[in-house]
């Protein structure tokens, strides 16, 4: 994660934020998974932690879905703009 924060290897700032968020979510889920072992004997604490764990997973999947849809929309918009520019150029000839 230090590499991602220091060098930010992705193309855009938003992509870097998404990757850092994923790393944090994976780290939290890995830590919370330890709670489901027999180290903690209280079933009430396990139940509360399970809700947090599922919440992190749901937020991560929702963020991925929104990011994917937005990237598809922006790429489609860019492709249509290029097509429109090329069509206008051909029409003027």
C-alpha atoms as a PDB file:
ATOM      1  CA  UNK A   1       0.000   0.000   0.000  1.00  0.00           C
ATOM      2  CA  UNK A   2       2.937   2.311   0.621  1.00  0.00           C
ATOM      3  CA  UNK A   3       3.943   1.852  -3.007  1.00  0.00           C
ATOM      4  CA  UNK A   4       0.471   2.912  -4.168  1.00  0.00           C
ATOM      5  CA  UNK A   5       0.483   5.983  -1.972  1.00  0.00           C
ATOM      6  CA  UNK A   6       4.036   7.027  -2.836  1.00  0.00           C
ATOM      7  CA  UNK A   7       4.126   6.411  -6.607  1.00  0.00           C
ATOM      8  CA  UNK A   8       0.439   6.421  -7.598  1.00  0.00           C
ATOM      9  CA  UNK A   9       0.917   4.183 -10.657  1.00  0.00           C
ATOM     10  CA  UNK A  10      -2.571   4.563 -12.150  1.00  0.00           C
ATOM     11  CA  UNK A  11      -3.496   6.956 -14.956  1.00  0.00           C
ATOM     12  CA  UNK A  12      -5.796   9.250 -12.994  1.00  0.00           C
ATOM     13  CA  UNK A  13      -6.149  10.526  -9.454  1.00  0.00           C
ATOM     14  CA  UNK A  14      -9.539   8.820  -9.103  1.00  0.00           C
ATOM     15  CA  UNK A  15      -8.098   5.448 -10.145  1.00  0.00           C
ATOM     16  CA  UNK A  16      -5.387   5.807  -7.524  1.00  0.00           C
ATOM     17  CA  UNK A  17      -8.006   6.542  -4.864  1.00  0.00           C
ATOM     18  CA  UNK A  18     -10.026   3.479  -5.858  1.00  0.00           C
ATOM     19  CA  UNK A  19      -6.953   1.231  -5.701  1.00  0.00           C
ATOM     20  CA  UNK A  20      -5.975   2.608  -2.278  1.00  0.00           C
ATOM     21  CA  UNK A  21      -9.555   2.102  -1.062  1.00  0.00           C
ATOM     22  CA  UNK A  22      -9.400  -1.523  -2.262  1.00  0.00           C
ATOM     23  CA  UNK A  23      -6.165  -2.121  -0.398  1.00  0.00           C
ATOM     24  CA  UNK A  24      -7.641  -0.692   2.800  1.00  0.00           C
ATOM     25  CA  UNK A  25     -10.815  -2.791   2.398  1.00  0.00           C
ATOM     26  CA  UNK A  26      -8.779  -5.972   1.853  1.00  0.00           C
ATOM     27  CA  UNK A  27      -6.665  -5.191   4.916  1.00  0.00           C
ATOM     28  CA  UNK A  28      -9.727  -4.557   7.108  1.00  0.00           C
ATOM     29  CA  UNK A  29     -11.477  -7.713   5.911  1.00  0.00           C
ATOM     30  CA  UNK A  30      -8.356  -9.763   6.582  1.00  0.00           C
ATOM     31  CA  UNK A  31      -8.166  -8.417  10.128  1.00  0.00           C
ATOM     32  CA  UNK A  32     -11.890  -8.886  10.735  1.00  0.00           C
ATOM     33  CA  UNK A  33     -11.694 -12.465   9.455  1.00  0.00           C
ATOM     34  CA  UNK A  34      -9.512 -13.307  12.445  1.00  0.00           C
ATOM     35  CA  UNK A  35     -12.446 -12.441  14.685  1.00  0.00           C
ATOM     36  CA  UNK A  36     -14.407 -15.365  13.243  1.00  0.00           C
ATOM     37  CA  UNK A  37     -11.873 -17.820  14.598  1.00  0.00           C
ATOM     38  CA  UNK A  38     -12.175 -19.303  18.077  1.00  0.00           C
ATOM     39  CA  UNK A  39      -9.981 -16.590  19.606  1.00  0.00           C
ATOM     40  CA  UNK A  40     -13.070 -14.551  20.480  1.00  0.00           C
ATOM     41  CA  UNK A  41     -15.610 -16.733  22.234  1.00  0.00           C
ATOM     42  CA  UNK A  42     -18.428 -14.179  22.462  1.00  0.00           C
ATOM     43  CA  UNK A  43     -20.951 -14.811  19.708  1.00  0.00           C
ATOM     44  CA  UNK A  44     -22.389 -11.292  20.153  1.00  0.00           C
ATOM     45  CA  UNK A  45     -19.082  -9.670  19.215  1.00  0.00           C
ATOM     46  CA  UNK A  46     -18.723 -12.020  16.252  1.00  0.00           C
ATOM     47  CA  UNK A  47     -22.213 -11.077  15.055  1.00  0.00           C
ATOM     48  CA  UNK A  48     -21.479  -7.330  15.298  1.00  0.00           C
ATOM     49  CA  UNK A  49     -18.147  -7.698  13.536  1.00  0.00           C
ATOM     50  CA  UNK A  50     -19.790  -9.799  10.821  1.00  0.00           C
ATOM     51  CA  UNK A  51     -22.141  -6.914  10.044  1.00  0.00           C
ATOM     52  CA  UNK A  52     -19.163  -4.571   9.653  1.00  0.00           C
ATOM     53  CA  UNK A  53     -17.380  -7.135   7.487  1.00  0.00           C
ATOM     54  CA  UNK A  54     -20.385  -7.554   5.192  1.00  0.00           C
ATOM     55  CA  UNK A  55     -20.794  -3.770   5.065  1.00  0.00           C
ATOM     56  CA  UNK A  56     -17.208  -3.313   3.879  1.00  0.00           C
ATOM     57  CA  UNK A  57     -17.737  -5.931   1.170  1.00  0.00           C
ATOM     58  CA  UNK A  58     -20.995  -4.284   0.016  1.00  0.00           C
ATOM     59  CA  UNK A  59     -19.411  -0.817  -0.129  1.00  0.00           C
ATOM     60  CA  UNK A  60     -16.468  -2.191  -2.104  1.00  0.00           C
ATOM     61  CA  UNK A  61     -18.713  -3.960  -4.626  1.00  0.00           C
ATOM     62  CA  UNK A  62     -20.918  -0.852  -4.961  1.00  0.00           C
ATOM     63  CA  UNK A  63     -17.895   1.376  -5.539  1.00  0.00           C
ATOM     64  CA  UNK A  64     -16.554  -1.046  -8.155  1.00  0.00           C
ATOM     65  CA  UNK A  65     -19.897  -1.119  -9.945  1.00  0.00           C
ATOM     66  CA  UNK A  66     -20.224   2.671 -10.006  1.00  0.00           C
ATOM     67  CA  UNK A  67     -16.620   3.067 -11.158  1.00  0.00           C
ATOM     68  CA  UNK A  68     -17.107   0.526 -13.932  1.00  0.00           C
ATOM     69  CA  UNK A  69     -20.327   2.149 -15.144  1.00  0.00           C
ATOM     70  CA  UNK A  70     -18.829   5.646 -15.085  1.00  0.00           C
ATOM     71  CA  UNK A  71     -15.746   4.534 -16.981  1.00  0.00           C
ATOM     72  CA  UNK A  72     -17.943   2.856 -19.606  1.00  0.00           C
ATOM     73  CA  UNK A  73     -20.090   5.978 -19.982  1.00  0.00           C
ATOM     74  CA  UNK A  74     -17.082   8.280 -20.326  1.00  0.00           C
ATOM     75  CA  UNK A  75     -15.366   5.983 -22.830  1.00  0.00           C
ATOM     76  CA  UNK A  76     -18.568   5.711 -24.866  1.00  0.00           C
ATOM     77  CA  UNK A  77     -18.975   9.493 -24.793  1.00  0.00           C
ATOM     78  CA  UNK A  78     -15.393   9.985 -25.942  1.00  0.00           C
ATOM     79  CA  UNK A  79     -15.844   7.447 -28.750  1.00  0.00           C
ATOM     80  CA  UNK A  80     -19.056   9.133 -29.913  1.00  0.00           C
ATOM     81  CA  UNK A  81     -17.382  12.547 -29.901  1.00  0.00           C
ATOM     82  CA  UNK A  82     -14.535  11.222 -32.048  1.00  0.00           C
ATOM     83  CA  UNK A  83     -17.043   9.603 -34.379  1.00  0.00           C
ATOM     84  CA  UNK A  84     -19.005  12.864 -34.669  1.00  0.00           C
ATOM     85  CA  UNK A  85     -15.841  14.860 -35.444  1.00  0.00           C
ATOM     86  CA  UNK A  86     -14.800  12.374 -38.128  1.00  0.00           C
ATOM     87  CA  UNK A  87     -18.313  12.345 -39.587  1.00  0.00           C
ATOM     88  CA  UNK A  88     -18.353  16.155 -39.824  1.00  0.00           C
ATOM     89  CA  UNK A  89     -14.953  16.135 -41.535  1.00  0.00           C
ATOM     90  CA  UNK A  90     -16.128  13.585 -44.082  1.00  0.00           C
ATOM     91  CA  UNK A  91     -19.367  15.480 -44.674  1.00  0.00           C
ATOM     92  CA  UNK A  92     -17.515  18.736 -45.399  1.00  0.00           C
ATOM     93  CA  UNK A  93     -15.378  17.105 -48.113  1.00  0.00           C
END
